[in-house]
Amino acid sequence: MISSNKPPREGNSQPGPALKRSLTAPWLLTATCALSLLMGCAQAQAPISEVAPQPAESRLNVDAKSLLIQGYNYTDDYINSFTVDGQGGGNLYVSGPTSGGGGSVCCASFSPGTPLPIKLKVRWVGAYCMWQEPNPYPFGQRFYSKRLSLWKEAEALAVDLSQGKPRALEIHIFPDGHVEAAITQGYSRPRLVLPDDHRGLRPGVHHTYPDCTDDQLKQATP
């Protein structure tokens, strides 16, 4: 048997086994992926045990006892009273560049493990109207003009910004009626920088209050 040492012709050359595998591999991969999709096995690439769990619900990790309630009044009017979940927060002049308009009132408390954010119900005197009180005496003028407080209400979600040192529950009342709240280290700078004067009023703002309606007289207490 005579063997030939001549190289095979280029036109008739056949790929070797390794080359055949490299040529057929893309077709095999495509078929495998298609089969996986048909069988609903696409999730096999990420087993359930390896999927990152959803983050646990955020909770308060400090004992926030006896927090001072500190109000911030960004409206243009004096707030003669506000409450947080029924707890009185005092009165608020308008905020200034460095002050919220009021002092600190005791107290609000939250236990460790309380889910965050903490839902709060905030009520404040958001407007006023005028009514005429009859003079009960036979002398003097017949009526006296009185200002009636009209209450507003909003829900606030308190977040923890205290960095492990909770000292205050801040309540920020904005002109559009929405309220923001936070547990903080206390006496944060105002979130809106607005001017005020020496009387605690908004410069250039003059208030004239309308007469009270019958419904307002029934719902509010002078």
C-alpha atoms as a PDB file:
ATOM      1  CA  MET A   1       0.000   0.000   0.000  1.00  0.00           C
ATOM      2  CA  ILE A   2       1.486   3.236  -1.111  1.00  0.00           C
ATOM      3  CA  SER A   3       0.861   6.305   1.036  1.00  0.00           C
ATOM      4  CA  SER A   4       0.924   9.732  -0.451  1.00  0.00           C
ATOM      5  CA  ASN A   5       2.766  12.592   1.257  1.00  0.00           C
ATOM      6  CA  LYS A   6       0.986  15.232  -0.777  1.00  0.00           C
ATOM      7  CA  PRO A   7      -1.054  17.717   1.299  1.00  0.00           C
ATOM      8  CA  PRO A   8      -4.787  17.608   0.675  1.00  0.00           C
ATOM      9  CA  ARG A   9      -6.162  20.039  -1.808  1.00  0.00           C
ATOM     10  CA  GLU A  10      -7.598  23.193  -0.322  1.00  0.00           C
ATOM     11  CA  GLY A  11     -10.891  22.716  -2.088  1.00  0.00           C
ATOM     12  CA  ASN A  12     -11.357  19.231  -0.669  1.00  0.00           C
ATOM     13  CA  SER A  13      -9.990  19.854   2.849  1.00  0.00           C
ATOM     14  CA  GLN A  14     -12.166  18.532   5.709  1.00  0.00           C
ATOM     15  CA  PRO A  15     -12.269  20.110   9.167  1.00  0.00           C
ATOM     16  CA  GLY A  16     -10.802  18.134  12.003  1.00  0.00           C
ATOM     17  CA  PRO A  17     -12.736  17.095  15.123  1.00  0.00           C
ATOM     18  CA  ALA A  18     -11.808  20.214  17.099  1.00  0.00           C
ATOM     19  CA  LEU A  19     -12.866  22.464  14.248  1.00  0.00           C
ATOM     20  CA  LYS A  20     -16.141  20.590  13.893  1.00  0.00           C
ATOM     21  CA  ARG A  21     -16.896  21.190  17.579  1.00  0.00           C
ATOM     22  CA  SER A  22     -16.147  24.906  17.224  1.00  0.00           C
ATOM     23  CA  LEU A  23     -18.437  25.177  14.212  1.00  0.00           C
ATOM     24  CA  THR A  24     -21.335  23.307  15.730  1.00  0.00           C
ATOM     25  CA  ALA A  25     -21.134  24.821  19.238  1.00  0.00           C
ATOM     26  CA  PRO A  26     -23.177  28.005  18.416  1.00  0.00           C
ATOM     27  CA  TRP A  27     -25.944  25.898  16.896  1.00  0.00           C
ATOM     28  CA  LEU A  28     -25.964  23.636  19.927  1.00  0.00           C
ATOM     29  CA  LEU A  29     -26.090  26.648  22.321  1.00  0.00           C
ATOM     30  CA  THR A  30     -28.986  28.177  20.393  1.00  0.00           C
ATOM     31  CA  ALA A  31     -30.929  24.917  20.485  1.00  0.00           C
ATOM     32  CA  THR A  32     -30.249  24.509  24.207  1.00  0.00           C
ATOM     33  CA  CYS A  33     -31.490  28.020  25.028  1.00  0.00           C
ATOM     34  CA  ALA A  34     -34.596  27.541  22.951  1.00  0.00           C
ATOM     35  CA  LEU A  35     -35.314  24.246  24.692  1.00  0.00           C
ATOM     36  CA  SER A  36     -34.781  25.895  28.100  1.00  0.00           C
ATOM     37  CA  LEU A  37     -37.267  28.627  27.283  1.00  0.00           C
ATOM     38  CA  LEU A  38     -39.835  26.119  26.074  1.00  0.00           C
ATOM     39  CA  MET A  39     -39.476  24.094  29.259  1.00  0.00           C
ATOM     40  CA  GLY A  40     -39.651  27.169  31.487  1.00  0.00           C
ATOM     41  CA  CYS A  41     -36.153  26.551  32.760  1.00  0.00           C
ATOM     42  CA  ALA A  42     -34.778  30.018  32.264  1.00  0.00           C
ATOM     43  CA  GLN A  43     -34.845  30.507  36.031  1.00  0.00           C
ATOM     44  CA  ALA A  44     -32.447  27.596  36.439  1.00  0.00           C
ATOM     45  CA  GLN A  45     -29.627  30.065  35.839  1.00  0.00           C
ATOM     46  CA  ALA A  46     -30.548  31.796  39.137  1.00  0.00           C
ATOM     47  CA  PRO A  47     -31.649  29.193  41.717  1.00  0.00           C
ATOM     48  CA  ILE A  48     -34.055  30.418  44.374  1.00  0.00           C
ATOM     49  CA  SER A  49     -31.481  29.803  47.077  1.00  0.00           C
ATOM     50  CA  GLU A  50     -29.095  32.229  45.366  1.00  0.00           C
ATOM     51  CA  VAL A  51     -31.575  35.092  44.769  1.00  0.00           C
ATOM     52  CA  ALA A  52     -30.885  38.023  47.096  1.00  0.00           C
ATOM     53  CA  PRO A  53     -33.688  38.314  49.674  1.00  0.00           C
ATOM     54  CA  GLN A  54     -35.825  41.450  49.805  1.00  0.00           C
ATOM     55  CA  PRO A  55     -34.589  43.919  52.453  1.00  0.00           C
ATOM     56  CA  ALA A  56     -36.373  43.581  55.764  1.00  0.00           C
ATOM     57  CA  GLU A  57     -38.769  46.333  56.819  1.00  0.00           C
ATOM     58  CA  SER A  58     -36.844  49.282  58.246  1.00  0.00           C
ATOM     59  CA  ARG A  59     -37.337  49.704  61.974  1.00  0.00           C
ATOM     60  CA  LEU A  60     -36.296  52.164  64.632  1.00  0.00           C
ATOM     61  CA  ASN A  61     -33.121  50.782  66.217  1.00  0.00           C
ATOM     62  CA  VAL A  62     -32.886  53.204  69.140  1.00  0.00           C
ATOM     63  CA  ASP A  63     -34.992  53.890  72.200  1.00  0.00           C
ATOM     64  CA  ALA A  64     -36.549  57.239  71.335  1.00  0.00           C
ATOM     65  CA  LYS A  65     -38.047  58.236  74.676  1.00  0.00           C
ATOM     66  CA  SER A  66     -39.161  61.703  75.786  1.00  0.00           C
ATOM     67  CA  LEU A  67     -38.482  63.372  72.452  1.00  0.00           C
ATOM     68  CA  LEU A  68     -38.970  67.126  72.426  1.00  0.00           C
ATOM     69  CA  ILE A  69     -41.629  68.200  69.922  1.00  0.00           C
ATOM     70  CA  GLN A  70     -40.205  70.997  67.778  1.00  0.00           C
ATOM     71  CA  GLY A  71     -42.390  72.751  65.197  1.00  0.00           C
ATOM     72  CA  TYR A  72     -41.421  74.586  62.030  1.00  0.00           C
ATOM     73  CA  ASN A  73     -43.980  77.017  60.597  1.00  0.00           C
ATOM     74  CA  TYR A  74     -43.292  77.841  56.942  1.00  0.00           C
ATOM     75  CA  THR A  75     -46.712  79.435  56.420  1.00  0.00           C
ATOM     76  CA  ASP A  76     -47.263  83.183  56.435  1.00  0.00           C
ATOM     77  CA  ASP A  77     -49.464  83.186  59.539  1.00  0.00           C
ATOM     78  CA  TYR A  78     -49.103  82.621  63.242  1.00  0.00           C
ATOM     79  CA  ILE A  79     -50.110  79.135  64.420  1.00  0.00           C
ATOM     80  CA  ASN A  80     -51.523  79.425  67.921  1.00  0.00           C
ATOM     81  CA  SER A  81     -51.609  75.654  68.458  1.00  0.00           C
ATOM     82  CA  PHE A  82     -50.640  72.326  66.896  1.00  0.00           C
ATOM     83  CA  THR A  83     -50.792  68.702  68.001  1.00  0.00           C
ATOM     84  CA  VAL A  84     -49.081  65.426  67.072  1.00  0.00           C
ATOM     85  CA  ASP A  85     -51.251  62.349  67.604  1.00  0.00           C
ATOM     86  CA  GLY A  86     -53.164  64.403  70.166  1.00  0.00           C
ATOM     87  CA  GLN A  87     -50.054  65.579  72.024  1.00  0.00           C
ATOM     88  CA  GLY A  88     -49.813  69.360  72.185  1.00  0.00           C
ATOM     89  CA  GLY A  89     -46.873  70.996  70.453  1.00  0.00           C
ATOM     90  CA  GLY A  90     -47.429  74.591  71.561  1.00  0.00           C
ATOM     91  CA  ASN A  91     -47.673  77.674  69.366  1.00  0.00           C
ATOM     92  CA  LEU A  92     -45.545  78.733  66.420  1.00  0.00           C
ATOM     93  CA  TYR A  93     -44.586  82.099  65.055  1.00  0.00           C
ATOM     94  CA  VAL A  94     -43.460  82.077  61.434  1.00  0.00           C
ATOM     95  CA  SER A  95     -40.096  80.476  60.721  1.00  0.00           C
ATOM     96  CA  GLY A  96     -36.979  82.503  60.040  1.00  0.00           C
ATOM     97  CA  PRO A  97     -33.611  81.781  58.437  1.00  0.00           C
ATOM     98  CA  THR A  98     -32.375  79.934  61.543  1.00  0.00           C
ATOM     99  CA  SER A  99     -35.510  79.132  63.550  1.00  0.00           C
ATOM    100  CA  GLY A 100     -38.704  77.157  63.065  1.00  0.00           C
ATOM    101  CA  GLY A 101     -40.784  79.743  64.905  1.00  0.00           C
ATOM    102  CA  GLY A 102     -41.294  77.980  68.219  1.00  0.00           C
ATOM    103  CA  GLY A 103     -39.601  76.298  71.135  1.00  0.00           C
ATOM    104  CA  SER A 104     -39.672  72.734  72.415  1.00  0.00           C
ATOM    105  CA  VAL A 105     -42.571  70.979  74.118  1.00  0.00           C
ATOM    106  CA  CYS A 106     -42.454  67.628  75.915  1.00  0.00           C
ATOM    107  CA  CYS A 107     -42.918  64.916  74.751  1.00  0.00           C
ATOM    108  CA  ALA A 108     -43.210  62.100  72.213  1.00  0.00           C
ATOM    109  CA  SER A 109     -41.826  58.583  72.633  1.00  0.00           C
ATOM    110  CA  PHE A 110     -41.220  55.595  70.351  1.00  0.00           C
ATOM    111  CA  SER A 111     -39.919  52.137  71.242  1.00  0.00           C
ATOM    112  CA  PRO A 112     -37.094  50.271  69.485  1.00  0.00           C
ATOM    113  CA  GLY A 113     -38.451  48.120  66.690  1.00  0.00           C
ATOM    114  CA  THR A 114     -41.162  50.593  65.691  1.00  0.00           C
ATOM    115  CA  PRO A 115     -41.622  50.276  61.897  1.00  0.00           C
ATOM    116  CA  LEU A 116     -40.335  53.223  59.880  1.00  0.00           C
ATOM    117  CA  PRO A 117     -41.545  55.594  58.670  1.00  0.00           C
ATOM    118  CA  ILE A 118     -43.854  56.310  61.610  1.00  0.00           C
ATOM    119  CA  LYS A 119     -47.300  57.522  60.593  1.00  0.00           C
ATOM    120  CA  LEU A 120     -48.398  60.617  62.532  1.00  0.00           C
ATOM    121  CA  LYS A 121     -51.575  62.683  62.599  1.00  0.00           C
ATOM    122  CA  VAL A 122     -50.756  66.399  62.767  1.00  0.00           C
ATOM    123  CA  ARG A 123     -53.372  69.092  63.424  1.00  0.00           C
ATOM    124  CA  TRP A 124     -52.714  72.821  63.485  1.00  0.00           C
ATOM    125  CA  VAL A 125     -54.543  76.136  63.383  1.00  0.00           C
ATOM    126  CA  GLY A 126     -54.208  76.890  59.691  1.00  0.00           C
ATOM    127  CA  ALA A 127     -56.553  79.853  59.260  1.00  0.00           C
ATOM    128  CA  TYR A 128     -58.744  82.325  61.096  1.00  0.00           C
ATOM    129  CA  CYS A 129     -62.105  84.001  60.641  1.00  0.00           C
ATOM    130  CA  MET A 130     -63.872  86.826  62.470  1.00  0.00           C
ATOM    131  CA  TRP A 131     -67.132  86.678  64.396  1.00  0.00           C
ATOM    132  CA  GLN A 132     -69.108  89.112  66.485  1.00  0.00           C
ATOM    133  CA  GLU A 133     -69.643  88.252  70.133  1.00  0.00           C
ATOM    134  CA  PRO A 134     -72.665  89.978  71.735  1.00  0.00           C
ATOM    135  CA  ASN A 135     -71.964  92.169  74.751  1.00  0.00           C
ATOM    136  CA  PRO A 136     -73.833  90.616  77.697  1.00  0.00           C
ATOM    137  CA  TYR A 137     -73.885  93.916  79.594  1.00  0.00           C
ATOM    138  CA  PRO A 138     -76.311  96.825  79.092  1.00  0.00           C
ATOM    139  CA  PHE A 139     -73.475  99.297  78.699  1.00  0.00           C
ATOM    140  CA  GLY A 140     -70.681  99.601  76.163  1.00  0.00           C
ATOM    141  CA  GLN A 141     -70.733  98.508  72.539  1.00  0.00           C
ATOM    142  CA  ARG A 142     -73.198  95.841  71.462  1.00  0.00           C
ATOM    143  CA  PHE A 143     -70.668  93.449  69.847  1.00  0.00           C
ATOM    144  CA  TYR A 144     -66.999  92.629  70.142  1.00  0.00           C
ATOM    145  CA  SER A 145     -64.955  91.323  67.201  1.00  0.00           C
ATOM    146  CA  LYS A 146     -63.359  87.956  67.924  1.00  0.00           C
ATOM    147  CA  ARG A 147     -60.933  85.861  65.925  1.00  0.00           C
ATOM    148  CA  LEU A 148     -61.834  82.201  65.512  1.00  0.00           C
ATOM    149  CA  SER A 149     -59.213  79.484  64.979  1.00  0.00           C
ATOM    150  CA  LEU A 150     -59.796  77.084  62.086  1.00  0.00           C
ATOM    151  CA  TRP A 151     -57.997  73.741  62.247  1.00  0.00           C
ATOM    152  CA  LYS A 152     -56.291  71.825  59.477  1.00  0.00           C
ATOM    153  CA  GLU A 153     -55.088  68.236  59.502  1.00  0.00           C
ATOM    154  CA  ALA A 154     -52.516  66.166  57.610  1.00  0.00           C
ATOM    155  CA  GLU A 155     -50.702  62.866  57.836  1.00  0.00           C
ATOM    156  CA  ALA A 156     -46.924  62.889  58.204  1.00  0.00           C
ATOM    157  CA  LEU A 157     -44.419  60.033  57.924  1.00  0.00           C
ATOM    158  CA  ALA A 158     -41.579  60.421  60.414  1.00  0.00           C
ATOM    159  CA  VAL A 159     -38.157  59.126  59.405  1.00  0.00           C
ATOM    160  CA  ASP A 160     -35.155  58.593  61.682  1.00  0.00           C
ATOM    161  CA  LEU A 161     -32.364  61.116  61.019  1.00  0.00           C
ATOM    162  CA  SER A 162     -30.931  61.025  64.540  1.00  0.00           C
ATOM    163  CA  GLN A 163     -27.852  58.897  63.763  1.00  0.00           C
ATOM    164  CA  GLY A 164     -28.369  57.013  67.014  1.00  0.00           C
ATOM    165  CA  LYS A 165     -28.901  60.126  69.181  1.00  0.00           C
ATOM    166  CA  PRO A 166     -32.655  60.859  69.159  1.00  0.00           C
ATOM    167  CA  ARG A 167     -33.596  64.009  71.046  1.00  0.00           C
ATOM    168  CA  ALA A 168     -36.450  65.613  69.115  1.00  0.00           C
ATOM    169  CA  LEU A 169     -39.450  64.944  66.917  1.00  0.00           C
ATOM    170  CA  GLU A 170     -39.503  67.708  64.310  1.00  0.00           C
ATOM    171  CA  ILE A 171     -42.768  68.712  62.627  1.00  0.00           C
ATOM    172  CA  HIS A 172     -42.402  70.821  59.465  1.00  0.00           C
ATOM    173  CA  ILE A 173     -45.630  72.539  58.316  1.00  0.00           C
ATOM    174  CA  PHE A 174     -45.444  73.839  54.740  1.00  0.00           C
ATOM    175  CA  PRO A 175     -47.519  76.556  53.021  1.00  0.00           C
ATOM    176  CA  ASP A 176     -49.275  74.063  50.718  1.00  0.00           C
ATOM    177  CA  GLY A 177     -50.625  72.143  53.723  1.00  0.00           C
ATOM    178  CA  HIS A 178     -48.337  69.113  53.630  1.00  0.00           C
ATOM    179  CA  VAL A 179     -46.355  68.131  56.714  1.00  0.00           C
ATOM    180  CA  GLU A 180     -42.968  66.423  57.061  1.00  0.00           C
ATOM    181  CA  ALA A 181     -41.639  64.817  60.237  1.00  0.00           C
ATOM    182  CA  ALA A 182     -38.322  63.415  61.468  1.00  0.00           C
ATOM    183  CA  ILE A 183     -36.649  62.074  64.594  1.00  0.00           C
ATOM    184  CA  THR A 184     -33.453  64.109  64.924  1.00  0.00           C
ATOM    185  CA  GLN A 185     -30.751  65.253  67.325  1.00  0.00           C
ATOM    186  CA  GLY A 186     -32.755  68.464  67.714  1.00  0.00           C
ATOM    187  CA  TYR A 187     -32.790  72.046  66.464  1.00  0.00           C
ATOM    188  CA  SER A 188     -32.144  71.309  62.815  1.00  0.00           C
ATOM    189  CA  ARG A 189     -31.954  74.224  60.417  1.00  0.00           C
ATOM    190  CA  PRO A 190     -35.247  75.094  58.680  1.00  0.00           C
ATOM    191  CA  ARG A 191     -35.929  73.244  55.443  1.00  0.00           C
ATOM    192  CA  LEU A 192     -37.171  76.485  53.875  1.00  0.00           C
ATOM    193  CA  VAL A 193     -35.173  79.680  54.417  1.00  0.00           C
ATOM    194  CA  LEU A 194     -37.755  82.453  54.800  1.00  0.00           C
ATOM    195  CA  PRO A 195     -37.523  85.949  56.309  1.00  0.00           C
ATOM    196  CA  ASP A 196     -39.172  87.014  59.566  1.00  0.00           C
ATOM    197  CA  ASP A 197     -39.209  90.232  61.562  1.00  0.00           C
ATOM    198  CA  HIS A 198     -38.635  91.056  65.223  1.00  0.00           C
ATOM    199  CA  ARG A 199     -42.312  90.301  65.990  1.00  0.00           C
ATOM    200  CA  GLY A 200     -42.122  86.780  64.586  1.00  0.00           C
ATOM    201  CA  LEU A 201     -44.213  87.739  61.550  1.00  0.00           C
ATOM    202  CA  ARG A 202     -43.578  87.425  57.831  1.00  0.00           C
ATOM    203  CA  PRO A 203     -42.377  90.808  56.475  1.00  0.00           C
ATOM    204  CA  GLY A 204     -44.725  92.458  54.011  1.00  0.00           C
ATOM    205  CA  VAL A 205     -47.644  90.087  54.740  1.00  0.00           C
ATOM    206  CA  HIS A 206     -50.833  91.780  55.949  1.00  0.00           C
ATOM    207  CA  HIS A 207     -53.734  89.671  57.127  1.00  0.00           C
ATOM    208  CA  THR A 208     -57.414  90.421  56.812  1.00  0.00           C
ATOM    209  CA  TYR A 209     -59.664  87.610  57.978  1.00  0.00           C
ATOM    210  CA  PRO A 210     -63.117  86.945  56.521  1.00  0.00           C
ATOM    211  CA  ASP A 211     -66.295  86.669  58.543  1.00  0.00           C
ATOM    212  CA  CYS A 212     -66.982  83.202  59.889  1.00  0.00           C
ATOM    213  CA  THR A 213     -69.637  81.098  58.195  1.00  0.00           C
ATOM    214  CA  ASP A 214     -72.347  79.343  60.198  1.00  0.00           C
ATOM    215  CA  ASP A 215     -70.617  75.992  59.650  1.00  0.00           C
ATOM    216  CA  GLN A 216     -67.329  77.373  60.922  1.00  0.00           C
ATOM    217  CA  LEU A 217     -69.012  78.731  64.031  1.00  0.00           C
ATOM    218  CA  LYS A 218     -70.538  75.312  64.695  1.00  0.00           C
ATOM    219  CA  GLN A 219     -67.333  73.334  64.139  1.00  0.00           C
ATOM    220  CA  ALA A 220     -64.774  75.573  65.854  1.00  0.00           C
ATOM    221  CA  THR A 221     -64.399  76.837  69.389  1.00  0.00           C
ATOM    222  CA  PRO A 222     -63.358  80.461  69.806  1.00  0.00           C
END
